[in-house]
Amino acid sequence: MLEQVAGSSVGKQVMRTVARELTRGLLGVLGVGTTRRTSSRKKSWF
């Protein structure tokens, strides 16, 4: 059953997402900066 899930496109996407999140978590623990998607500009009223 695991082979069928891993062979499907949905299974591949899930495994890719899990691997990415694990990698980000490990890099975060080690203190290595990752890319940030937020805007660096500060938003203010003025």
C-alpha atoms as a PDB file:
ATOM      1  CA  MET A   1       0.000   0.000   0.000  1.00  0.00           C
ATOM      2  CA  LEU A   2       2.828   2.412   0.851  1.00  0.00           C
ATOM      3  CA  GLU A   3       4.380   1.803  -2.563  1.00  0.00           C
ATOM      4  CA  GLN A   4       1.111   2.719  -4.297  1.00  0.00           C
ATOM      5  CA  VAL A   5       0.818   5.972  -2.338  1.00  0.00           C
ATOM      6  CA  ALA A   6       4.481   6.853  -2.933  1.00  0.00           C
ATOM      7  CA  GLY A   7       4.078   6.156  -6.648  1.00  0.00           C
ATOM      8  CA  SER A   8       1.126   8.483  -7.104  1.00  0.00           C
ATOM      9  CA  SER A   9       1.514  12.175  -7.866  1.00  0.00           C
ATOM     10  CA  VAL A  10      -0.287  13.112  -4.644  1.00  0.00           C
ATOM     11  CA  GLY A  11       2.014  10.858  -2.650  1.00  0.00           C
ATOM     12  CA  LYS A  12       5.077  12.407  -4.254  1.00  0.00           C
ATOM     13  CA  GLN A  13       3.823  15.901  -3.436  1.00  0.00           C
ATOM     14  CA  VAL A  14       3.154  14.944   0.187  1.00  0.00           C
ATOM     15  CA  MET A  15       6.587  13.374   0.558  1.00  0.00           C
ATOM     16  CA  ARG A  16       8.213  16.439  -1.026  1.00  0.00           C
ATOM     17  CA  THR A  17       6.368  18.737   1.388  1.00  0.00           C
ATOM     18  CA  VAL A  18       7.337  16.632   4.399  1.00  0.00           C
ATOM     19  CA  ALA A  19      10.984  16.587   3.307  1.00  0.00           C
ATOM     20  CA  ARG A  20      10.986  20.373   2.799  1.00  0.00           C
ATOM     21  CA  GLU A  21       9.455  21.048   6.214  1.00  0.00           C
ATOM     22  CA  LEU A  22      11.885  18.681   7.939  1.00  0.00           C
ATOM     23  CA  THR A  23      14.806  20.386   6.215  1.00  0.00           C
ATOM     24  CA  ARG A  24      13.548  23.834   7.198  1.00  0.00           C
ATOM     25  CA  GLY A  25      13.108  22.658  10.783  1.00  0.00           C
ATOM     26  CA  LEU A  26      16.624  21.256  10.970  1.00  0.00           C
ATOM     27  CA  LEU A  27      18.116  24.409   9.465  1.00  0.00           C
ATOM     28  CA  GLY A  28      16.126  26.512  11.907  1.00  0.00           C
ATOM     29  CA  VAL A  29      17.488  24.531  14.847  1.00  0.00           C
ATOM     30  CA  LEU A  30      21.013  24.981  13.537  1.00  0.00           C
ATOM     31  CA  GLY A  31      20.438  28.720  13.161  1.00  0.00           C
ATOM     32  CA  VAL A  32      20.847  28.796   9.406  1.00  0.00           C
ATOM     33  CA  GLY A  33      18.696  31.505   7.858  1.00  0.00           C
ATOM     34  CA  THR A  34      16.142  30.522   5.264  1.00  0.00           C
ATOM     35  CA  THR A  35      14.507  32.611   2.611  1.00  0.00           C
ATOM     36  CA  ARG A  36      11.648  34.768   3.781  1.00  0.00           C
ATOM     37  CA  ARG A  37       8.695  35.636   1.628  1.00  0.00           C
ATOM     38  CA  THR A  38       7.506  38.574   3.677  1.00  0.00           C
ATOM     39  CA  SER A  39       8.091  42.110   2.546  1.00  0.00           C
ATOM     40  CA  SER A  40      11.054  43.855   4.122  1.00  0.00           C
ATOM     41  CA  ARG A  41       9.340  47.249   3.913  1.00  0.00           C
ATOM     42  CA  LYS A  42       7.787  48.494   7.085  1.00  0.00           C
ATOM     43  CA  LYS A  43       4.163  49.432   6.789  1.00  0.00           C
ATOM     44  CA  SER A  44       3.149  52.552   8.638  1.00  0.00           C
ATOM     45  CA  TRP A  45       0.327  55.041   8.637  1.00  0.00           C
ATOM     46  CA  PHE A  46       2.538  57.932   7.503  1.00  0.00           C
END
